[in-house]
Amino acid sequence: MTRTRRIAIREVLVHIGGDDRMLASLREEGLFEADELDPREADELRVAALMMAELGVNPAGVQVALHLRRRLLAIDARLGVLGRELGTRDPNDGKR
């Protein structure tokens, strides 16, 4: 079994220029409660910080946007699987 590397949340904050106040406001919304993040969560924290700093999105809006982002990524992954399955089918299947 492959273990995903976990990254200290403080390390991510330093890298993205986040601060304790931003993290506290996100945690009030139930986001990023762990002290270590997997790479996907670290990327979500990067996106959250960007939305707050560059777009002025509040923590509740970040929560909604991240939820929608996760759903879109899941849909994209499913469409990729379906596309590969359709691409491997015999084009003459089902033809009379």
N, C-alpha and C. Protein backbone atom coordinates (compact mmCIF):
# COMPACT_ATOMS: atom_id res chain seq x y z
N MET A 1 0.84 -1.18 0.00
CA MET A 1 0.00 0.00 0.00
C MET A 1 0.89 1.25 0.00
N THR A 2 0.57 2.19 -0.86
CA THR A 2 1.34 3.41 -0.97
C THR A 2 0.78 4.45 -0.01
N ARG A 3 1.66 5.04 0.78
CA ARG A 3 1.26 6.09 1.70
C ARG A 3 1.48 7.44 1.05
N THR A 4 0.48 8.30 1.13
CA THR A 4 0.60 9.64 0.60
C THR A 4 1.36 10.50 1.61
N ARG A 5 2.28 11.28 1.13
CA ARG A 5 3.04 12.17 2.00
C ARG A 5 2.12 13.22 2.59
N ARG A 6 2.20 13.43 3.87
CA ARG A 6 1.43 14.46 4.56
C ARG A 6 2.34 15.68 4.75
N ILE A 7 1.76 16.85 4.66
CA ILE A 7 2.51 18.09 4.75
C ILE A 7 1.97 18.90 5.92
N ALA A 8 2.85 19.42 6.75
CA ALA A 8 2.42 20.25 7.88
C ALA A 8 1.69 21.48 7.35
N ILE A 9 0.55 21.79 7.95
CA ILE A 9 -0.26 22.91 7.47
C ILE A 9 0.52 24.22 7.59
N ARG A 10 1.36 24.35 8.60
CA ARG A 10 2.18 25.56 8.76
C ARG A 10 3.15 25.72 7.59
N GLU A 11 3.68 24.61 7.10
CA GLU A 11 4.58 24.64 5.95
C GLU A 11 3.83 25.14 4.71
N VAL A 12 2.61 24.68 4.53
CA VAL A 12 1.79 25.13 3.40
C VAL A 12 1.50 26.61 3.52
N LEU A 13 1.14 27.06 4.74
CA LEU A 13 0.83 28.47 4.95
C LEU A 13 2.02 29.36 4.60
N VAL A 14 3.21 28.96 5.01
CA VAL A 14 4.42 29.73 4.70
C VAL A 14 4.60 29.80 3.18
N HIS A 15 4.41 28.69 2.51
CA HIS A 15 4.61 28.62 1.06
C HIS A 15 3.62 29.51 0.30
N ILE A 16 2.37 29.57 0.77
CA ILE A 16 1.34 30.33 0.05
C ILE A 16 1.16 31.75 0.59
N GLY A 17 1.89 32.09 1.65
CA GLY A 17 1.77 33.43 2.21
C GLY A 17 0.54 33.62 3.07
N GLY A 18 0.01 32.52 3.60
CA GLY A 18 -1.16 32.60 4.49
C GLY A 18 -0.74 32.92 5.91
N ASP A 19 -1.72 33.26 6.73
CA ASP A 19 -1.42 33.56 8.13
C ASP A 19 -2.39 32.85 9.06
N ASP A 20 -2.14 32.98 10.36
CA ASP A 20 -2.97 32.31 11.36
C ASP A 20 -4.41 32.80 11.33
N ARG A 21 -4.60 34.08 11.07
CA ARG A 21 -5.96 34.63 11.04
C ARG A 21 -6.78 34.00 9.91
N MET A 22 -6.16 33.87 8.74
CA MET A 22 -6.85 33.25 7.62
C MET A 22 -7.20 31.80 7.94
N LEU A 23 -6.23 31.07 8.51
CA LEU A 23 -6.47 29.67 8.86
C LEU A 23 -7.57 29.55 9.89
N ALA A 24 -7.58 30.44 10.89
CA ALA A 24 -8.62 30.39 11.93
C ALA A 24 -10.00 30.63 11.32
N SER A 25 -10.11 31.56 10.38
CA SER A 25 -11.41 31.84 9.77
C SER A 25 -11.88 30.66 8.93
N LEU A 26 -10.96 29.97 8.26
CA LEU A 26 -11.33 28.79 7.48
C LEU A 26 -11.73 27.64 8.40
N ARG A 27 -11.03 27.50 9.51
CA ARG A 27 -11.35 26.43 10.46
C ARG A 27 -12.71 26.66 11.11
N GLU A 28 -13.12 27.92 11.27
CA GLU A 28 -14.46 28.21 11.80
C GLU A 28 -15.54 27.66 10.88
N GLU A 29 -15.23 27.52 9.61
CA GLU A 29 -16.17 26.95 8.63
C GLU A 29 -16.01 25.44 8.50
N GLY A 30 -15.14 24.86 9.33
CA GLY A 30 -14.94 23.41 9.30
C GLY A 30 -13.94 22.95 8.26
N LEU A 31 -13.14 23.87 7.75
CA LEU A 31 -12.15 23.54 6.73
C LEU A 31 -10.75 23.45 7.33
N PHE A 32 -9.95 22.56 6.82
CA PHE A 32 -8.53 22.45 7.15
C PHE A 32 -8.28 22.33 8.66
N GLU A 33 -9.02 21.43 9.30
CA GLU A 33 -8.91 21.26 10.74
C GLU A 33 -7.69 20.44 11.16
N ALA A 34 -7.17 19.61 10.27
CA ALA A 34 -6.01 18.77 10.60
C ALA A 34 -4.73 19.62 10.57
N ASP A 35 -3.74 19.18 11.34
CA ASP A 35 -2.45 19.88 11.35
C ASP A 35 -1.54 19.43 10.22
N GLU A 36 -1.90 18.32 9.56
CA GLU A 36 -1.17 17.84 8.39
C GLU A 36 -2.15 17.61 7.25
N LEU A 37 -1.72 17.90 6.04
CA LEU A 37 -2.58 17.80 4.86
C LEU A 37 -1.95 16.88 3.84
N ASP A 38 -2.82 16.17 3.09
CA ASP A 38 -2.29 15.44 1.94
C ASP A 38 -2.15 16.44 0.79
N PRO A 39 -1.49 16.08 -0.28
CA PRO A 39 -1.26 17.03 -1.38
C PRO A 39 -2.54 17.65 -1.94
N ARG A 40 -3.62 16.88 -2.02
CA ARG A 40 -4.89 17.43 -2.53
C ARG A 40 -5.41 18.51 -1.59
N GLU A 41 -5.35 18.25 -0.29
CA GLU A 41 -5.82 19.24 0.69
C GLU A 41 -4.92 20.48 0.68
N ALA A 42 -3.62 20.28 0.52
CA ALA A 42 -2.69 21.41 0.45
C ALA A 42 -3.03 22.29 -0.76
N ASP A 43 -3.39 21.68 -1.88
CA ASP A 43 -3.78 22.44 -3.06
C ASP A 43 -5.08 23.19 -2.79
N GLU A 44 -6.01 22.56 -2.08
CA GLU A 44 -7.26 23.24 -1.73
C GLU A 44 -6.99 24.45 -0.83
N LEU A 45 -6.05 24.32 0.10
CA LEU A 45 -5.70 25.46 0.96
C LEU A 45 -5.10 26.58 0.12
N ARG A 46 -4.29 26.22 -0.87
CA ARG A 46 -3.72 27.22 -1.78
C ARG A 46 -4.83 27.96 -2.52
N VAL A 47 -5.80 27.19 -3.03
CA VAL A 47 -6.93 27.78 -3.75
C VAL A 47 -7.75 28.66 -2.81
N ALA A 48 -7.99 28.19 -1.60
CA ALA A 48 -8.76 28.96 -0.61
C ALA A 48 -8.07 30.29 -0.31
N ALA A 49 -6.77 30.25 -0.09
CA ALA A 49 -6.02 31.48 0.20
C ALA A 49 -6.09 32.44 -0.98
N LEU A 50 -5.98 31.91 -2.18
CA LEU A 50 -6.06 32.74 -3.38
C LEU A 50 -7.44 33.39 -3.50
N MET A 51 -8.49 32.61 -3.27
CA MET A 51 -9.85 33.17 -3.35
C MET A 51 -10.05 34.29 -2.34
N MET A 52 -9.54 34.09 -1.13
CA MET A 52 -9.71 35.10 -0.09
C MET A 52 -8.88 36.35 -0.38
N ALA A 53 -7.62 36.17 -0.75
CA ALA A 53 -6.71 37.31 -0.94
C ALA A 53 -6.98 38.06 -2.23
N GLU A 54 -7.17 37.33 -3.32
CA GLU A 54 -7.28 37.97 -4.63
C GLU A 54 -8.71 38.34 -5.02
N LEU A 55 -9.67 37.55 -4.55
CA LEU A 55 -11.06 37.77 -4.97
C LEU A 55 -11.96 38.30 -3.86
N GLY A 56 -11.44 38.32 -2.63
CA GLY A 56 -12.24 38.81 -1.51
C GLY A 56 -13.36 37.88 -1.08
N VAL A 57 -13.22 36.59 -1.38
CA VAL A 57 -14.25 35.61 -1.00
C VAL A 57 -14.15 35.36 0.49
N ASN A 58 -15.30 35.34 1.18
CA ASN A 58 -15.28 35.06 2.62
C ASN A 58 -15.18 33.55 2.85
N PRO A 59 -14.85 33.14 4.09
CA PRO A 59 -14.66 31.71 4.36
C PRO A 59 -15.86 30.82 4.02
N ALA A 60 -17.07 31.32 4.23
CA ALA A 60 -18.25 30.53 3.86
C ALA A 60 -18.31 30.34 2.35
N GLY A 61 -17.97 31.37 1.60
CA GLY A 61 -17.93 31.26 0.14
C GLY A 61 -16.84 30.31 -0.33
N VAL A 62 -15.72 30.31 0.37
CA VAL A 62 -14.63 29.38 0.06
C VAL A 62 -15.11 27.95 0.25
N GLN A 63 -15.84 27.71 1.34
CA GLN A 63 -16.36 26.36 1.61
C GLN A 63 -17.24 25.89 0.45
N VAL A 64 -18.14 26.74 0.00
CA VAL A 64 -19.03 26.39 -1.11
C VAL A 64 -18.23 26.17 -2.39
N ALA A 65 -17.30 27.07 -2.68
CA ALA A 65 -16.51 26.95 -3.90
C ALA A 65 -15.67 25.67 -3.91
N LEU A 66 -15.08 25.32 -2.77
CA LEU A 66 -14.27 24.10 -2.71
C LEU A 66 -15.14 22.86 -2.88
N HIS A 67 -16.35 22.90 -2.32
CA HIS A 67 -17.27 21.77 -2.49
C HIS A 67 -17.61 21.60 -3.97
N LEU A 68 -17.93 22.69 -4.65
CA LEU A 68 -18.25 22.62 -6.08
C LEU A 68 -17.03 22.17 -6.89
N ARG A 69 -15.86 22.64 -6.51
CA ARG A 69 -14.63 22.24 -7.20
C ARG A 69 -14.40 20.73 -7.08
N ARG A 70 -14.61 20.19 -5.87
CA ARG A 70 -14.46 18.74 -5.67
C ARG A 70 -15.43 17.97 -6.55
N ARG A 71 -16.66 18.45 -6.61
CA ARG A 71 -17.67 17.77 -7.44
C ARG A 71 -17.28 17.82 -8.91
N LEU A 72 -16.82 18.96 -9.38
CA LEU A 72 -16.40 19.07 -10.78
C LEU A 72 -15.22 18.16 -11.08
N LEU A 73 -14.27 18.07 -10.17
CA LEU A 73 -13.13 17.18 -10.38
C LEU A 73 -13.58 15.72 -10.42
N ALA A 74 -14.56 15.36 -9.58
CA ALA A 74 -15.08 13.98 -9.58
C ALA A 74 -15.80 13.69 -10.90
N ILE A 75 -16.59 14.64 -11.36
CA ILE A 75 -17.30 14.47 -12.64
C ILE A 75 -16.29 14.34 -13.78
N ASP A 76 -15.26 15.16 -13.76
CA ASP A 76 -14.23 15.10 -14.79
C ASP A 76 -13.55 13.73 -14.80
N ALA A 77 -13.27 13.20 -13.62
CA ALA A 77 -12.63 11.87 -13.53
C ALA A 77 -13.56 10.80 -14.09
N ARG A 78 -14.85 10.88 -13.75
CA ARG A 78 -15.81 9.89 -14.28
C ARG A 78 -15.93 9.99 -15.78
N LEU A 79 -15.97 11.21 -16.31
CA LEU A 79 -16.05 11.37 -17.76
C LEU A 79 -14.81 10.83 -18.45
N GLY A 80 -13.66 10.98 -17.82
CA GLY A 80 -12.43 10.42 -18.38
C GLY A 80 -12.50 8.91 -18.47
N VAL A 81 -13.03 8.27 -17.42
CA VAL A 81 -13.18 6.81 -17.42
C VAL A 81 -14.16 6.39 -18.51
N LEU A 82 -15.29 7.08 -18.59
CA LEU A 82 -16.28 6.75 -19.63
C LEU A 82 -15.69 6.93 -21.03
N GLY A 83 -14.94 8.01 -21.21
CA GLY A 83 -14.32 8.25 -22.51
C GLY A 83 -13.35 7.14 -22.89
N ARG A 84 -12.55 6.70 -21.93
CA ARG A 84 -11.62 5.60 -22.21
C ARG A 84 -12.37 4.32 -22.51
N GLU A 85 -13.45 4.06 -21.76
CA GLU A 85 -14.24 2.85 -22.02
C GLU A 85 -14.87 2.89 -23.40
N LEU A 86 -15.39 4.02 -23.78
CA LEU A 86 -16.00 4.15 -25.10
C LEU A 86 -14.94 4.05 -26.20
N GLY A 87 -13.76 4.55 -25.93
CA GLY A 87 -12.68 4.50 -26.91
C GLY A 87 -12.14 3.11 -27.14
N THR A 88 -12.34 2.20 -26.21
CA THR A 88 -11.81 0.84 -26.36
C THR A 88 -12.85 -0.14 -26.88
N ARG A 89 -14.06 0.33 -27.10
CA ARG A 89 -15.10 -0.57 -27.61
C ARG A 89 -14.92 -0.80 -29.10
N ASP A 90 -15.38 -1.96 -29.52
CA ASP A 90 -15.37 -2.31 -30.94
C ASP A 90 -16.41 -1.45 -31.64
N PRO A 91 -16.03 -0.67 -32.65
CA PRO A 91 -16.99 0.20 -33.33
C PRO A 91 -18.12 -0.57 -34.00
N ASN A 92 -17.94 -1.87 -34.24
CA ASN A 92 -18.98 -2.66 -34.89
C ASN A 92 -19.93 -3.30 -33.89
N ASP A 93 -19.65 -3.16 -32.58
CA ASP A 93 -20.55 -3.70 -31.56
C ASP A 93 -21.92 -3.03 -31.67
N GLY A 94 -22.95 -3.83 -31.64
CA GLY A 94 -24.31 -3.32 -31.66
C GLY A 94 -24.82 -2.93 -33.03
N LYS A 95 -24.00 -3.06 -34.07
CA LYS A 95 -24.46 -2.74 -35.42
C LYS A 95 -25.03 -3.99 -36.06
N ARG A 96 -26.04 -3.82 -36.86
CA ARG A 96 -26.66 -4.95 -37.55
C ARG A 96 -26.04 -5.18 -38.88
